[in-house]
Amino acid sequence: MEGYRSCRGVAPTRGISQGAMGTLAILMLGIPLIGCRQSPREPVTLRYTYSWNEDRPKTRALLQQFTQETGIRVKNIPIAEYTRDYLDLARKLLADGSGADLLNIDLIWSPILEPDLIDLRPALAAEIPQLEPELLSSYTVNGKLVAVPFNVPLGGLEYRTDLLREYGYDHPPRTWTELESMAERIQAGERAKGTKDFWGYVWQGAAGEALTCNALEWQVAAGGGRIIEQDRTISVNNPAAIRAWQQAKRWINWISPPSVVAFRELDSMLVFDSGKAAFNRIWLRCAFLPPTL
């Protein structure tokens, strides 16, 4: 789908536990699925945590290719969809000392997990200069580079190009107000054709990280600031931010279903993919690691 995108500013990362010090070289080479072939009599197993949306045929095929080329087995550790639950699991795995070797972590977890993660600088001395310095600073805690970004998630708008053409639009909405009018018109037209449960816009309204990111996008677009500004002042309680949230509140049971207040990423995806919505707020993941990593 086509869509416009806005930066989320939080990039998933790879972090490595202190308990995996003995296999550091293997783990580092495991990131690009390239490594040294091990003796078949003593197979090495890499324990890797992956998110719910990574368990796809393409990912599984890459893991199989990695094992064929290196002899290193990969034991997948599935994690919960919800960010808070995954952070709790990551802390438990690290506290255990033998729970995981390679972790998918969020940028903001770096200070929380730092005591149990190794410094990656010695192992990635040749690759680090290829990474964006501004991003690396967010993963450096107490002088340790505890993780490296492998992609940058961007907030995006997924939309039905066929419906935009049908209803006379030659571009996706550029503002939230324009989205309202387009979603309302398309929704009315589709319902008139018999799809009574069609909605103009679906998004993530359940209490959690996704809703926080959505609300931040709304308020920034309205000139309401970034919650915490560069000078560390708290700016969130201002008229522009409040107006943005009030605008989003009006969408519920108008262009968005009443149940949107309980929607998470998978819920909105299912509605849109089933053809029951014109617009959907999604995460887009842009590859970030250089080819050698």
C-alpha atoms as a PDB file:
ATOM      1  CA  MET A   1       0.000   0.000   0.000  1.00  0.00           C
ATOM      2  CA  GLU A   2       1.041   3.550  -0.571  1.00  0.00           C
ATOM      3  CA  GLY A   3       1.005   5.995   2.275  1.00  0.00           C
ATOM      4  CA  TYR A   4       2.569   8.967   3.917  1.00  0.00           C
ATOM      5  CA  ARG A   5       4.943   8.473   6.808  1.00  0.00           C
ATOM      6  CA  SER A   6       6.022  10.252   9.972  1.00  0.00           C
ATOM      7  CA  CYS A   7       9.025   9.334  12.092  1.00  0.00           C
ATOM      8  CA  ARG A   8       8.383   7.527  15.349  1.00  0.00           C
ATOM      9  CA  GLY A   9      11.852   8.120  16.718  1.00  0.00           C
ATOM     10  CA  VAL A  10      12.151   4.740  18.421  1.00  0.00           C
ATOM     11  CA  ALA A  11      14.194   2.093  16.660  1.00  0.00           C
ATOM     12  CA  PRO A  12      14.202  -1.591  17.635  1.00  0.00           C
ATOM     13  CA  THR A  13      17.683  -2.837  18.369  1.00  0.00           C
ATOM     14  CA  ARG A  14      19.754  -5.897  18.978  1.00  0.00           C
ATOM     15  CA  GLY A  15      21.294  -6.291  22.431  1.00  0.00           C
ATOM     16  CA  ILE A  16      23.446  -9.117  23.776  1.00  0.00           C
ATOM     17  CA  SER A  17      23.389 -10.476  27.320  1.00  0.00           C
ATOM     18  CA  GLN A  18      26.360 -10.693  29.674  1.00  0.00           C
ATOM     19  CA  GLY A  19      25.665 -14.415  29.977  1.00  0.00           C
ATOM     20  CA  ALA A  20      26.574 -14.811  26.293  1.00  0.00           C
ATOM     21  CA  MET A  21      30.125 -13.443  26.648  1.00  0.00           C
ATOM     22  CA  GLY A  22      31.665 -16.784  25.721  1.00  0.00           C
ATOM     23  CA  THR A  23      29.903 -16.821  22.370  1.00  0.00           C
ATOM     24  CA  LEU A  24      30.182 -13.120  21.555  1.00  0.00           C
ATOM     25  CA  ALA A  25      31.837 -13.624  18.170  1.00  0.00           C
ATOM     26  CA  ILE A  26      29.130 -16.060  17.146  1.00  0.00           C
ATOM     27  CA  LEU A  27      26.385 -13.707  18.259  1.00  0.00           C
ATOM     28  CA  MET A  28      27.791 -10.738  16.407  1.00  0.00           C
ATOM     29  CA  LEU A  29      28.090 -12.766  13.245  1.00  0.00           C
ATOM     30  CA  GLY A  30      24.588 -14.019  13.875  1.00  0.00           C
ATOM     31  CA  ILE A  31      23.073 -10.579  13.288  1.00  0.00           C
ATOM     32  CA  PRO A  32      23.565 -10.676   9.489  1.00  0.00           C
ATOM     33  CA  LEU A  33      23.063 -14.433   9.421  1.00  0.00           C
ATOM     34  CA  ILE A  34      26.727 -14.930   8.520  1.00  0.00           C
ATOM     35  CA  GLY A  35      29.150 -16.802  10.746  1.00  0.00           C
ATOM     36  CA  CYS A  36      31.872 -19.382  11.172  1.00  0.00           C
ATOM     37  CA  ARG A  37      30.987 -22.992  10.560  1.00  0.00           C
ATOM     38  CA  GLN A  38      30.974 -25.043  13.781  1.00  0.00           C
ATOM     39  CA  SER A  39      31.762 -28.696  14.336  1.00  0.00           C
ATOM     40  CA  PRO A  40      28.599 -30.767  13.813  1.00  0.00           C
ATOM     41  CA  ARG A  41      29.532 -32.790  16.890  1.00  0.00           C
ATOM     42  CA  GLU A  42      29.233 -29.701  19.067  1.00  0.00           C
ATOM     43  CA  PRO A  43      26.439 -27.607  17.563  1.00  0.00           C
ATOM     44  CA  VAL A  44      26.107 -24.076  18.859  1.00  0.00           C
ATOM     45  CA  THR A  45      22.618 -22.806  19.575  1.00  0.00           C
ATOM     46  CA  LEU A  46      21.773 -19.119  19.382  1.00  0.00           C
ATOM     47  CA  ARG A  47      18.783 -18.173  21.534  1.00  0.00           C
ATOM     48  CA  TYR A  48      16.990 -15.272  19.891  1.00  0.00           C
ATOM     49  CA  THR A  49      13.894 -13.330  20.939  1.00  0.00           C
ATOM     50  CA  TYR A  50      11.673 -12.226  18.093  1.00  0.00           C
ATOM     51  CA  SER A  51       8.497 -10.160  17.981  1.00  0.00           C
ATOM     52  CA  TRP A  52       5.126 -11.528  16.898  1.00  0.00           C
ATOM     53  CA  ASN A  53       5.304  -9.827  13.493  1.00  0.00           C
ATOM     54  CA  GLU A  54       8.719 -11.350  12.687  1.00  0.00           C
ATOM     55  CA  ASP A  55       7.482 -14.950  12.668  1.00  0.00           C
ATOM     56  CA  ARG A  56       6.925 -15.025   8.934  1.00  0.00           C
ATOM     57  CA  PRO A  57       8.028 -17.389   6.135  1.00  0.00           C
ATOM     58  CA  LYS A  58      10.744 -14.982   4.954  1.00  0.00           C
ATOM     59  CA  THR A  59      12.265 -14.761   8.435  1.00  0.00           C
ATOM     60  CA  ARG A  60      12.121 -18.525   8.946  1.00  0.00           C
ATOM     61  CA  ALA A  61      13.784 -19.066   5.562  1.00  0.00           C
ATOM     62  CA  LEU A  62      16.657 -16.742   6.541  1.00  0.00           C
ATOM     63  CA  LEU A  63      17.151 -18.602   9.807  1.00  0.00           C
ATOM     64  CA  GLN A  64      17.274 -21.916   7.957  1.00  0.00           C
ATOM     65  CA  GLN A  65      19.813 -20.456   5.525  1.00  0.00           C
ATOM     66  CA  PHE A  66      21.890 -19.228   8.455  1.00  0.00           C
ATOM     67  CA  THR A  67      21.953 -22.699  10.013  1.00  0.00           C
ATOM     68  CA  GLN A  68      22.885 -24.338   6.701  1.00  0.00           C
ATOM     69  CA  GLU A  69      25.764 -21.905   6.129  1.00  0.00           C
ATOM     70  CA  THR A  70      27.157 -21.822   9.669  1.00  0.00           C
ATOM     71  CA  GLY A  71      26.015 -24.943  11.474  1.00  0.00           C
ATOM     72  CA  ILE A  72      24.665 -22.690  14.217  1.00  0.00           C
ATOM     73  CA  ARG A  73      21.169 -23.531  15.309  1.00  0.00           C
ATOM     74  CA  VAL A  74      18.703 -20.784  16.201  1.00  0.00           C
ATOM     75  CA  LYS A  75      16.247 -21.320  19.010  1.00  0.00           C
ATOM     76  CA  ASN A  76      13.399 -18.875  18.663  1.00  0.00           C
ATOM     77  CA  ILE A  77      11.991 -17.398  21.848  1.00  0.00           C
ATOM     78  CA  PRO A  78       8.575 -15.916  20.969  1.00  0.00           C
ATOM     79  CA  ILE A  79       7.579 -12.788  22.812  1.00  0.00           C
ATOM     80  CA  ALA A  80       4.311 -11.085  23.674  1.00  0.00           C
ATOM     81  CA  GLU A  81       2.774  -8.556  21.300  1.00  0.00           C
ATOM     82  CA  TYR A  82       2.554  -5.936  24.007  1.00  0.00           C
ATOM     83  CA  THR A  83       5.694  -3.911  24.692  1.00  0.00           C
ATOM     84  CA  ARG A  84       5.386  -3.871  28.468  1.00  0.00           C
ATOM     85  CA  ASP A  85       5.055  -7.647  28.644  1.00  0.00           C
ATOM     86  CA  TYR A  86       8.116  -8.119  26.441  1.00  0.00           C
ATOM     87  CA  LEU A  87      10.245  -5.822  28.585  1.00  0.00           C
ATOM     88  CA  ASP A  88       9.342  -7.887  31.642  1.00  0.00           C
ATOM     89  CA  LEU A  89      10.297 -11.067  29.775  1.00  0.00           C
ATOM     90  CA  ALA A  90      13.622  -9.585  28.617  1.00  0.00           C
ATOM     91  CA  ARG A  91      14.537  -8.651  32.180  1.00  0.00           C
ATOM     92  CA  LYS A  92      13.721 -12.162  33.385  1.00  0.00           C
ATOM     93  CA  LEU A  93      15.756 -13.789  30.605  1.00  0.00           C
ATOM     94  CA  LEU A  94      18.749 -11.610  31.383  1.00  0.00           C
ATOM     95  CA  ALA A  95      18.444 -12.129  35.137  1.00  0.00           C
ATOM     96  CA  ASP A  96      18.452 -15.893  34.536  1.00  0.00           C
ATOM     97  CA  GLY A  97      21.795 -15.585  32.763  1.00  0.00           C
ATOM     98  CA  SER A  98      21.052 -18.334  30.256  1.00  0.00           C
ATOM     99  CA  GLY A  99      17.679 -17.321  28.870  1.00  0.00           C
ATOM    100  CA  ALA A 100      18.677 -15.473  25.677  1.00  0.00           C
ATOM    101  CA  ASP A 101      21.777 -14.574  23.674  1.00  0.00           C
ATOM    102  CA  LEU A 102      20.405 -12.040  21.211  1.00  0.00           C
ATOM    103  CA  LEU A 103      17.590  -9.657  22.101  1.00  0.00           C
ATOM    104  CA  ASN A 104      15.251  -7.431  20.158  1.00  0.00           C
ATOM    105  CA  ILE A 105      14.969  -4.317  22.322  1.00  0.00           C
ATOM    106  CA  ASP A 106      13.456  -0.869  22.069  1.00  0.00           C
ATOM    107  CA  LEU A 107      15.670   2.204  22.148  1.00  0.00           C
ATOM    108  CA  ILE A 108      14.227   3.404  25.451  1.00  0.00           C
ATOM    109  CA  TRP A 109      15.144   0.108  27.154  1.00  0.00           C
ATOM    110  CA  SER A 110      18.884   0.674  26.794  1.00  0.00           C
ATOM    111  CA  PRO A 111      19.387   2.202  30.288  1.00  0.00           C
ATOM    112  CA  ILE A 112      17.081  -0.384  31.879  1.00  0.00           C
ATOM    113  CA  LEU A 113      18.872  -3.438  30.466  1.00  0.00           C
ATOM    114  CA  GLU A 114      22.402  -2.011  30.342  1.00  0.00           C
ATOM    115  CA  PRO A 115      23.753  -3.844  33.431  1.00  0.00           C
ATOM    116  CA  ASP A 116      23.117  -7.210  31.739  1.00  0.00           C
ATOM    117  CA  LEU A 117      24.279  -6.312  28.206  1.00  0.00           C
ATOM    118  CA  ILE A 118      27.835  -6.387  26.892  1.00  0.00           C
ATOM    119  CA  ASP A 119      29.703  -3.574  25.169  1.00  0.00           C
ATOM    120  CA  LEU A 120      29.492  -4.133  21.405  1.00  0.00           C
ATOM    121  CA  ARG A 121      32.295  -1.770  20.410  1.00  0.00           C
ATOM    122  CA  PRO A 122      35.135  -4.339  20.412  1.00  0.00           C
ATOM    123  CA  ALA A 123      33.169  -6.826  18.303  1.00  0.00           C
ATOM    124  CA  LEU A 124      31.818  -4.251  15.844  1.00  0.00           C
ATOM    125  CA  ALA A 125      34.800  -1.906  15.582  1.00  0.00           C
ATOM    126  CA  ALA A 126      34.839  -2.085  11.785  1.00  0.00           C
ATOM    127  CA  GLU A 127      31.080  -1.728  11.331  1.00  0.00           C
ATOM    128  CA  ILE A 128      30.233   1.003  13.847  1.00  0.00           C
ATOM    129  CA  PRO A 129      31.572   3.874  11.676  1.00  0.00           C
ATOM    130  CA  GLN A 130      28.957   2.932   9.051  1.00  0.00           C
ATOM    131  CA  LEU A 131      26.097   3.598  11.475  1.00  0.00           C
ATOM    132  CA  GLU A 132      24.399   6.922  12.099  1.00  0.00           C
ATOM    133  CA  PRO A 133      26.154   8.630  15.053  1.00  0.00           C
ATOM    134  CA  GLU A 134      22.979  10.353  16.223  1.00  0.00           C
ATOM    135  CA  LEU A 135      21.249   7.005  16.619  1.00  0.00           C
ATOM    136  CA  LEU A 136      24.195   5.314  18.306  1.00  0.00           C
ATOM    137  CA  SER A 137      24.234   7.883  21.101  1.00  0.00           C
ATOM    138  CA  SER A 138      20.826   6.633  22.217  1.00  0.00           C
ATOM    139  CA  TYR A 139      22.227   3.126  22.705  1.00  0.00           C
ATOM    140  CA  THR A 140      25.315   4.166  24.631  1.00  0.00           C
ATOM    141  CA  VAL A 141      24.926   3.885  28.405  1.00  0.00           C
ATOM    142  CA  ASN A 142      27.735   4.457  30.910  1.00  0.00           C
ATOM    143  CA  GLY A 143      30.246   4.359  28.086  1.00  0.00           C
ATOM    144  CA  LYS A 144      28.939   1.033  26.730  1.00  0.00           C
ATOM    145  CA  LEU A 145      27.342   0.548  23.333  1.00  0.00           C
ATOM    146  CA  VAL A 146      24.716  -1.952  24.472  1.00  0.00           C
ATOM    147  CA  ALA A 147      22.789  -2.279  21.186  1.00  0.00           C
ATOM    148  CA  VAL A 148      22.787  -1.266  17.524  1.00  0.00           C
ATOM    149  CA  PRO A 149      19.747  -0.288  15.415  1.00  0.00           C
ATOM    150  CA  PHE A 150      18.819  -2.690  12.635  1.00  0.00           C
ATOM    151  CA  ASN A 151      15.782  -0.796  11.315  1.00  0.00           C
ATOM    152  CA  VAL A 152      13.885   2.414  11.952  1.00  0.00           C
ATOM    153  CA  PRO A 153      10.119   2.112  12.463  1.00  0.00           C
ATOM    154  CA  LEU A 154       8.097   4.926  10.926  1.00  0.00           C
ATOM    155  CA  GLY A 155       4.487   5.740  11.595  1.00  0.00           C
ATOM    156  CA  GLY A 156       2.539   5.520   8.342  1.00  0.00           C
ATOM    157  CA  LEU A 157      -0.925   5.744   6.865  1.00  0.00           C
ATOM    158  CA  GLU A 158      -2.127   2.733   4.910  1.00  0.00           C
ATOM    159  CA  TYR A 159      -4.905   3.503   2.472  1.00  0.00           C
ATOM    160  CA  ARG A 160      -7.066   2.038  -0.283  1.00  0.00           C
ATOM    161  CA  THR A 161      -5.881   3.538  -3.561  1.00  0.00           C
ATOM    162  CA  ASP A 162      -8.875   2.046  -5.369  1.00  0.00           C
ATOM    163  CA  LEU A 163     -11.312   3.835  -3.083  1.00  0.00           C
ATOM    164  CA  LEU A 164      -9.446   7.119  -3.327  1.00  0.00           C
ATOM    165  CA  ARG A 165      -9.729   6.955  -7.119  1.00  0.00           C
ATOM    166  CA  GLU A 166     -13.381   5.917  -6.976  1.00  0.00           C
ATOM    167  CA  TYR A 167     -14.300   8.871  -4.789  1.00  0.00           C
ATOM    168  CA  GLY A 168     -12.336  11.388  -6.817  1.00  0.00           C
ATOM    169  CA  TYR A 169      -9.160  11.832  -4.746  1.00  0.00           C
ATOM    170  CA  ASP A 170      -5.786  12.011  -6.488  1.00  0.00           C
ATOM    171  CA  HIS A 171      -3.697  12.031  -3.297  1.00  0.00           C
ATOM    172  CA  PRO A 172      -3.904  10.717   0.264  1.00  0.00           C
ATOM    173  CA  PRO A 173      -4.868  13.110   3.075  1.00  0.00           C
ATOM    174  CA  ARG A 174      -2.228  15.642   4.053  1.00  0.00           C
ATOM    175  CA  THR A 175      -3.799  16.761   7.336  1.00  0.00           C
ATOM    176  CA  TRP A 176      -5.964  15.147   9.987  1.00  0.00           C
ATOM    177  CA  THR A 177      -8.875  17.384   9.008  1.00  0.00           C
ATOM    178  CA  GLU A 178      -8.545  16.278   5.394  1.00  0.00           C
ATOM    179  CA  LEU A 179      -8.443  12.663   6.564  1.00  0.00           C
ATOM    180  CA  GLU A 180     -11.715  13.223   8.443  1.00  0.00           C
ATOM    181  CA  SER A 181     -13.564  14.492   5.382  1.00  0.00           C
ATOM    182  CA  MET A 182     -12.185  11.814   3.062  1.00  0.00           C
ATOM    183  CA  ALA A 183     -12.853   9.007   5.547  1.00  0.00           C
ATOM    184  CA  GLU A 184     -16.407  10.220   6.173  1.00  0.00           C
ATOM    185  CA  ARG A 185     -17.246  10.403   2.476  1.00  0.00           C
ATOM    186  CA  ILE A 186     -15.770   7.014   1.598  1.00  0.00           C
ATOM    187  CA  GLN A 187     -17.392   5.397   4.629  1.00  0.00           C
ATOM    188  CA  ALA A 188     -20.830   6.746   3.686  1.00  0.00           C
ATOM    189  CA  GLY A 189     -20.424   5.586   0.102  1.00  0.00           C
ATOM    190  CA  GLU A 190     -19.320   2.072   1.012  1.00  0.00           C
ATOM    191  CA  ARG A 191     -22.116   1.656   3.526  1.00  0.00           C
ATOM    192  CA  ALA A 192     -24.632   2.825   0.951  1.00  0.00           C
ATOM    193  CA  LYS A 193     -23.374  -0.001  -1.300  1.00  0.00           C
ATOM    194  CA  GLY A 194     -24.161  -2.527   1.443  1.00  0.00           C
ATOM    195  CA  THR A 195     -21.031  -2.813   3.596  1.00  0.00           C
ATOM    196  CA  LYS A 196     -22.684  -1.643   6.799  1.00  0.00           C
ATOM    197  CA  ASP A 197     -19.662  -2.326   9.011  1.00  0.00           C
ATOM    198  CA  PHE A 198     -17.252  -0.295   6.866  1.00  0.00           C
ATOM    199  CA  TRP A 199     -15.218   2.386   8.668  1.00  0.00           C
ATOM    200  CA  GLY A 200     -13.269   5.332   7.375  1.00  0.00           C
ATOM    201  CA  TYR A 201     -10.254   5.126   9.674  1.00  0.00           C
ATOM    202  CA  VAL A 202      -8.895   2.509  12.078  1.00  0.00           C
ATOM    203  CA  TRP A 203      -5.999   2.975  14.478  1.00  0.00           C
ATOM    204  CA  GLN A 204      -4.653   1.746  17.826  1.00  0.00           C
ATOM    205  CA  GLY A 205      -6.656   3.110  20.754  1.00  0.00           C
ATOM    206  CA  ALA A 206      -5.832   0.640  23.534  1.00  0.00           C
ATOM    207  CA  ALA A 207      -3.765   1.969  26.423  1.00  0.00           C
ATOM    208  CA  GLY A 208      -0.150   1.322  25.454  1.00  0.00           C
ATOM    209  CA  GLU A 209       2.842   2.475  23.459  1.00  0.00           C
ATOM    210  CA  ALA A 210       1.022   2.618  20.109  1.00  0.00           C
ATOM    211  CA  LEU A 211      -1.645   4.975  21.433  1.00  0.00           C
ATOM    212  CA  THR A 212       1.039   7.169  22.999  1.00  0.00           C
ATOM    213  CA  CYS A 213       2.813   7.419  19.646  1.00  0.00           C
ATOM    214  CA  ASN A 214      -0.465   8.148  17.862  1.00  0.00           C
ATOM    215  CA  ALA A 215      -1.356  10.901  20.325  1.00  0.00           C
ATOM    216  CA  LEU A 216       2.108  12.408  19.971  1.00  0.00           C
ATOM    217  CA  GLU A 217       1.666  12.548  16.187  1.00  0.00           C
ATOM    218  CA  TRP A 218      -1.704  14.269  16.588  1.00  0.00           C
ATOM    219  CA  GLN A 219      -0.425  16.900  18.973  1.00  0.00           C
ATOM    220  CA  VAL A 220       2.780  17.616  17.034  1.00  0.00           C
ATOM    221  CA  ALA A 221       0.711  18.160  13.872  1.00  0.00           C
ATOM    222  CA  ALA A 222      -1.476  20.592  15.830  1.00  0.00           C
ATOM    223  CA  GLY A 223       1.506  22.520  17.187  1.00  0.00           C
ATOM    224  CA  GLY A 224       1.124  21.042  20.645  1.00  0.00           C
ATOM    225  CA  GLY A 225       4.777  20.182  21.269  1.00  0.00           C
ATOM    226  CA  ARG A 226       6.510  16.897  22.075  1.00  0.00           C
ATOM    227  CA  ILE A 227       5.440  16.257  25.706  1.00  0.00           C
ATOM    228  CA  ILE A 228       9.051  16.720  26.905  1.00  0.00           C
ATOM    229  CA  GLU A 229      10.949  19.431  25.044  1.00  0.00           C
ATOM    230  CA  GLN A 230      14.681  19.698  24.342  1.00  0.00           C
ATOM    231  CA  ASP A 231      15.182  21.843  27.451  1.00  0.00           C
ATOM    232  CA  ARG A 232      13.469  19.111  29.542  1.00  0.00           C
ATOM    233  CA  THR A 233      10.362  21.190  30.195  1.00  0.00           C
ATOM    234  CA  ILE A 234       7.000  19.400  30.217  1.00  0.00           C
ATOM    235  CA  SER A 235       4.854  20.991  27.524  1.00  0.00           C
ATOM    236  CA  VAL A 236       2.020  18.528  27.133  1.00  0.00           C
ATOM    237  CA  ASN A 237      -0.634  20.504  29.022  1.00  0.00           C
ATOM    238  CA  ASN A 238      -1.344  23.133  26.354  1.00  0.00           C
ATOM    239  CA  PRO A 239      -4.401  24.157  24.297  1.00  0.00           C
ATOM    240  CA  ALA A 240      -3.065  22.832  20.973  1.00  0.00           C
ATOM    241  CA  ALA A 241      -2.399  19.348  22.360  1.00  0.00           C
ATOM    242  CA  ILE A 242      -5.817  19.253  24.014  1.00  0.00           C
ATOM    243  CA  ARG A 243      -7.534  20.247  20.757  1.00  0.00           C
ATOM    244  CA  ALA A 244      -5.700  17.457  18.929  1.00  0.00           C
ATOM    245  CA  TRP A 245      -6.903  14.840  21.402  1.00  0.00           C
ATOM    246  CA  GLN A 246     -10.443  16.203  21.299  1.00  0.00           C
ATOM    247  CA  GLN A 247     -10.378  15.907  17.519  1.00  0.00           C
ATOM    248  CA  ALA A 248      -9.308  12.256  17.774  1.00  0.00           C
ATOM    249  CA  LYS A 249     -12.021  11.604  20.356  1.00  0.00           C
ATOM    250  CA  ARG A 250     -14.653  12.741  17.832  1.00  0.00           C
ATOM    251  CA  TRP A 251     -13.531  10.012  15.436  1.00  0.00           C
ATOM    252  CA  ILE A 252     -14.795   7.287  17.771  1.00  0.00           C
ATOM    253  CA  ASN A 253     -18.167   5.992  16.527  1.00  0.00           C
ATOM    254  CA  TRP A 254     -18.024   8.491  13.663  1.00  0.00           C
ATOM    255  CA  ILE A 255     -15.266   7.441  11.241  1.00  0.00           C
ATOM    256  CA  SER A 256     -13.740   4.891  13.639  1.00  0.00           C
ATOM    257  CA  PRO A 257     -15.547   1.972  15.334  1.00  0.00           C
ATOM    258  CA  PRO A 258     -16.473   2.261  19.024  1.00  0.00           C
ATOM    259  CA  SER A 259     -14.202  -0.717  19.673  1.00  0.00           C
ATOM    260  CA  VAL A 260     -11.159   1.206  18.395  1.00  0.00           C
ATOM    261  CA  VAL A 261     -10.440   2.157  22.022  1.00  0.00           C
ATOM    262  CA  ALA A 262      -9.403  -1.482  22.523  1.00  0.00           C
ATOM    263  CA  PHE A 263      -7.541  -1.872  19.208  1.00  0.00           C
ATOM    264  CA  ARG A 264      -3.883  -2.820  19.066  1.00  0.00           C
ATOM    265  CA  GLU A 265      -1.776  -3.158  15.926  1.00  0.00           C
ATOM    266  CA  LEU A 266      -3.112  -6.561  14.918  1.00  0.00           C
ATOM    267  CA  ASP A 267      -6.743  -5.486  15.414  1.00  0.00           C
ATOM    268  CA  SER A 268      -6.530  -2.517  13.059  1.00  0.00           C
ATOM    269  CA  MET A 269      -4.556  -4.595  10.534  1.00  0.00           C
ATOM    270  CA  LEU A 270      -7.256  -7.262  10.470  1.00  0.00           C
ATOM    271  CA  VAL A 271     -10.026  -4.714   9.858  1.00  0.00           C
ATOM    272  CA  PHE A 272      -8.135  -2.994   7.060  1.00  0.00           C
ATOM    273  CA  ASP A 273      -6.923  -6.218   5.437  1.00  0.00           C
ATOM    274  CA  SER A 274     -10.478  -7.555   5.406  1.00  0.00           C
ATOM    275  CA  GLY A 275     -11.545  -4.578   3.290  1.00  0.00           C
ATOM    276  CA  LYS A 276     -13.581  -2.933   6.038  1.00  0.00           C
ATOM    277  CA  ALA A 277     -11.658   0.355   6.321  1.00  0.00           C
ATOM    278  CA  ALA A 278     -10.341   3.078   4.014  1.00  0.00           C
ATOM    279  CA  PHE A 279      -7.387   4.168   6.160  1.00  0.00           C
ATOM    280  CA  ASN A 280      -5.232   2.467   8.773  1.00  0.00           C
ATOM    281  CA  ARG A 281      -2.408   3.781  10.925  1.00  0.00           C
ATOM    282  CA  ILE A 282       0.526   1.312  10.747  1.00  0.00           C
ATOM    283  CA  TRP A 283       4.214   0.906  11.524  1.00  0.00           C
ATOM    284  CA  LEU A 284       6.592   0.794   8.586  1.00  0.00           C
ATOM    285  CA  ARG A 285      10.044  -0.685   9.153  1.00  0.00           C
ATOM    286  CA  CYS A 286      12.930   0.644   7.095  1.00  0.00           C
ATOM    287  CA  ALA A 287      16.114  -1.451   6.948  1.00  0.00           C
ATOM    288  CA  PHE A 288      18.965   0.397   8.612  1.00  0.00           C
ATOM    289  CA  LEU A 289      21.973  -1.855   9.096  1.00  0.00           C
ATOM    290  CA  PRO A 290      24.694  -1.566   6.446  1.00  0.00           C
ATOM    291  CA  PRO A 291      25.189  -4.711   4.297  1.00  0.00           C
ATOM    292  CA  THR A 292      28.260  -5.821   6.240  1.00  0.00           C
ATOM    293  CA  LEU A 293      26.438  -6.037   9.574  1.00  0.00           C
END
